[in-house]
Protein backbone atom coordinates (compact mmCIF):
# COMPACT_ATOMS: atom_id res chain seq x y z
CA MET A 1 74.40 134.19 98.12
CA LYS A 2 75.61 133.72 94.60
CA LYS A 3 75.98 130.43 93.33
CA LEU A 4 79.74 129.41 92.21
CA THR A 5 79.85 128.47 88.52
CA PRO A 6 81.28 125.13 87.72
CA PHE A 7 85.02 126.73 87.10
CA GLY A 8 84.55 128.61 90.31
CA GLN A 9 83.95 125.33 92.21
CA ARG A 10 87.00 123.73 90.83
CA VAL A 11 89.30 126.70 91.81
CA LEU A 12 87.75 126.75 95.40
CA GLY A 13 88.27 122.85 95.59
CA GLY A 14 91.89 123.29 94.46
CA LEU A 15 92.57 125.92 97.02
CA LEU A 16 90.91 123.82 99.84
CA LEU A 17 92.84 120.79 98.52
CA SER A 18 96.27 122.74 98.68
CA ALA A 19 95.61 124.10 102.00
CA SER A 20 94.77 120.67 103.27
CA LEU A 21 98.11 119.25 101.85
CA PHE A 22 99.96 122.19 103.39
CA LEU A 23 98.39 121.75 106.98
CA SER A 24 98.98 118.11 106.57
CA ALA A 25 102.61 118.76 105.93
CA CYS A 26 103.09 121.26 108.80
CA GLY A 27 101.49 118.73 111.07
CA GLY A 28 103.44 115.87 109.80
CA SER A 29 106.91 117.27 110.63
CA THR A 30 106.92 115.48 114.04
CA ALA A 31 105.79 112.16 112.66
CA LEU A 32 108.24 109.32 112.50
CA ILE A 33 109.30 108.28 109.04
CA LYS A 34 109.88 104.85 108.10
CA HIS A 35 112.47 104.64 105.16
CA CYS A 36 111.22 102.02 103.00
CA CYS A 37 114.29 101.72 100.80
CA TYR A 38 116.72 101.04 103.65
CA ASP A 39 117.81 97.29 103.71
CA GLY A 40 118.73 96.66 107.51
CA ASP A 41 117.90 96.91 110.83
CA ALA A 42 117.13 100.39 112.18
CA ALA A 43 115.09 101.84 115.22
CA LEU A 44 112.08 104.09 114.62
CA VAL A 45 112.34 106.58 117.21
CA HIS A 46 112.45 110.26 118.31
CA ILE A 47 116.01 111.08 118.88
CA ASP A 48 115.21 112.04 122.63
CA GLN A 49 115.04 108.21 123.38
CA VAL A 50 118.33 107.54 122.43
CA GLN A 51 121.06 106.75 124.92
CA PHE A 52 124.70 107.11 124.63
CA VAL A 53 127.07 104.35 125.96
CA ALA A 54 130.69 105.35 127.00
CA PRO A 55 133.77 102.90 126.15
CA ASP A 56 133.61 101.83 130.05
CA GLY A 57 129.94 100.91 129.97
CA SER A 58 128.31 103.69 131.68
CA THR A 59 125.17 105.32 129.90
CA SER A 60 124.11 108.71 129.44
CA ASN A 61 120.42 109.97 128.40
CA PHE A 62 119.81 112.22 125.28
CA ALA A 63 119.25 115.22 127.47
CA ASP A 64 122.60 114.47 129.35
CA ILE A 65 124.42 114.85 125.89
CA TYR A 66 122.25 117.35 124.25
CA PRO A 67 120.78 119.65 126.85
CA ASP A 68 118.19 122.36 125.71
CA TYR A 69 117.60 120.40 122.49
CA THR A 70 114.21 121.20 120.90
CA PRO A 71 112.87 119.85 117.70
CA GLN A 72 112.40 121.99 114.76
CA ASP A 73 108.61 122.07 114.52
CA SER A 74 108.01 124.08 111.26
CA PHE A 75 107.05 123.33 107.83
CA ALA A 76 110.54 124.17 106.48
CA THR A 77 112.48 121.97 108.55
CA LYS A 78 116.42 121.75 108.11
CA SER A 79 117.51 118.31 106.71
CA PHE A 80 121.10 116.42 106.42
CA PRO A 81 123.02 117.75 103.68
CA PHE A 82 122.37 114.51 101.64
CA ARG A 83 120.25 111.32 102.16
CA LYS A 84 122.86 108.79 100.64
CA VAL A 85 126.18 108.66 99.16
CA ASP A 86 128.69 105.98 98.03
CA TYR A 87 131.41 106.77 100.34
CA ALA A 88 134.08 105.05 98.33
CA LEU A 89 133.98 108.25 96.13
CA ILE A 90 134.68 110.58 98.84
CA THR A 91 138.12 111.73 99.35
CA TYR A 92 137.62 114.56 101.93
CA ASP A 93 140.18 114.03 104.52
CA ALA A 94 137.87 114.30 107.49
CA LEU A 95 135.48 111.91 105.91
CA ALA A 96 137.28 109.29 104.29
CA VAL A 97 138.25 107.27 107.31
CA ILE A 98 135.03 107.66 109.47
CA LEU A 99 132.10 107.12 106.82
CA PRO A 100 132.81 103.51 106.44
CA LEU A 101 132.44 103.06 109.94
CA TYR A 102 128.63 104.13 109.85
CA ASP A 103 127.77 101.69 107.11
CA ALA A 104 125.49 99.58 109.34
CA ASN A 105 124.01 97.46 106.52
CA GLU A 106 127.61 97.22 104.76
CA ASN A 107 126.38 98.01 101.42
CA ARG A 108 129.04 100.51 100.72
CA LEU A 109 126.51 103.45 101.07
CA LEU A 110 126.01 106.05 103.67
CA GLU A 111 122.07 106.54 104.07
CA GLU A 112 120.03 108.71 105.93
CA PRO A 113 119.37 106.30 109.12
CA GLU A 114 123.17 105.83 109.48
CA ILE A 115 123.57 109.41 108.87
CA THR A 116 121.37 110.24 111.97
CA VAL A 117 123.64 108.00 114.12
CA LEU A 118 126.80 109.69 112.54
CA TYR A 119 125.54 113.17 113.57
CA LEU A 120 124.20 111.97 117.03
CA ARG A 121 127.50 110.35 117.67
CA GLU A 122 129.91 112.49 116.20
CA GLY A 123 128.20 115.64 117.62
CA ALA A 124 128.42 114.16 121.15
CA LEU A 125 132.29 113.50 120.57
CA GLY A 126 132.79 116.97 119.20
CA MET A 127 131.17 118.30 122.48
CA GLY A 128 133.74 116.37 124.50
CA HIS A 129 131.67 113.27 125.44
CA SER A 130 132.97 109.76 125.41
CA VAL A 131 130.73 107.72 123.26
CA ASP A 132 131.15 103.97 121.96
CA HIS A 133 127.56 103.57 120.49
CA LEU A 134 124.13 104.29 120.77
CA THR A 135 121.22 102.41 122.22
CA VAL A 136 117.49 102.41 122.27
CA ASP A 137 115.81 100.40 125.23
CA GLY A 138 119.11 98.97 125.96
CA LYS A 139 119.65 97.52 122.49
CA ARG A 140 122.61 98.56 120.35
CA VAL A 141 121.50 100.68 117.39
CA ASP A 142 123.48 101.62 114.28
CA ALA A 143 120.69 103.11 112.09
CA ILE A 144 117.83 105.25 113.28
CA MET A 145 114.73 106.45 111.53
CA THR A 146 113.40 109.54 112.97
CA SER A 147 111.15 112.72 112.19
CA ARG A 148 111.96 115.65 110.11
CA SER A 149 111.71 118.03 113.10
CA ASP A 150 114.00 115.77 114.91
CA VAL A 151 116.52 116.04 112.29
CA GLY A 152 115.95 119.77 111.96
CA GLY A 153 116.31 120.19 115.74
CA LEU A 154 119.71 118.18 115.70
CA MET A 155 120.90 120.12 112.99
CA ASN A 156 120.12 123.51 114.43
CA TYR A 157 121.65 122.50 117.70
CA LEU A 158 124.90 121.53 116.12
CA ASP A 159 125.08 124.59 113.82
CA ALA A 160 124.31 126.99 116.88
CA ARG A 161 127.43 125.31 118.84
CA MET A 162 129.81 124.60 115.66
CA ASP A 163 132.60 126.98 116.83
CA SER A 164 132.77 125.31 120.30
CA LEU A 165 133.08 121.74 118.89
CA THR A 166 136.38 120.12 118.46
CA PRO A 167 138.41 120.95 115.30
CA GLU A 168 137.80 117.33 114.23
CA ALA A 169 134.30 117.47 114.62
CA GLN A 170 133.83 120.87 112.82
CA ALA A 171 136.05 119.51 109.86
CA GLN A 172 133.67 116.39 109.65
CA PHE A 173 130.46 118.44 109.66
CA ARG A 174 131.96 121.07 107.21
CA ASP A 175 132.95 118.28 104.76
CA MET A 176 129.55 116.83 105.06
CA GLU A 177 127.98 119.96 103.88
CA ARG A 178 130.45 120.09 100.87
CA VAL A 179 129.50 116.73 100.00
CA GLY A 180 125.80 117.89 99.89
CA LEU A 181 126.74 120.70 97.68
CA ASP A 182 128.61 118.36 95.26
CA ILE A 183 125.79 116.05 95.04
CA ILE A 184 123.48 118.82 94.20
CA GLN A 185 125.91 120.23 91.50
CA ARG A 186 126.58 116.82 89.98
CA GLY A 187 122.96 115.78 90.10
CA SER A 188 123.73 112.45 91.76
CA GLU A 189 124.04 110.72 95.09
CA GLY A 190 127.96 110.24 94.95
CA ALA A 191 129.50 109.91 91.51
CA ASP A 192 128.62 112.14 88.76
CA ARG A 193 127.74 111.03 85.35
CA GLN A 194 131.64 110.28 84.46
CA ASN A 195 132.02 108.49 87.89
CA LYS A 196 134.51 111.24 89.13
CA LYS A 197 135.29 111.14 92.82
CA ILE A 198 134.24 113.48 95.24
CA THR A 199 137.25 115.44 96.22
CA PRO A 200 138.17 118.78 97.88
């Protein structure tokens, strides 16, 4: 067997490292991700542990609200349209009122743990369920940190049922996608470099 040259050894080492990182990323999609930059209380759970509390106090399990849900366990998981936004800059009609309601840490930003709660609750409302708030182990949660596969599964679940959601929910999720596109085009999480508002 031929001995590898130093160059060949470096190439092989690089390939092995790349393969290792790729496999780690694939396997890591189901891992719970704690957001170090979120300033506030947040539950670190898979979303199938979430319960939904109606205004009358009755509680429904995740499987009752999202039957047939499956996490998206793949390398390229679908994510939320954006990770953070200054909601004061958003003037889309369907979002201008509801986004401040999900600002759990009251910092005038809508951040990913809060976006998770928004999608879970507004998705449930859009499917005709009555939901006041979410809980985990009996404790109210207004921010949830979860896995990439859970987010991808939730997004795919709602996308597949979008046409059957209420018009209000359809408008909200459509405008969330628009905000994500606005952020990509303007290169910032909220205002562009001239502090312009995100408008229809």
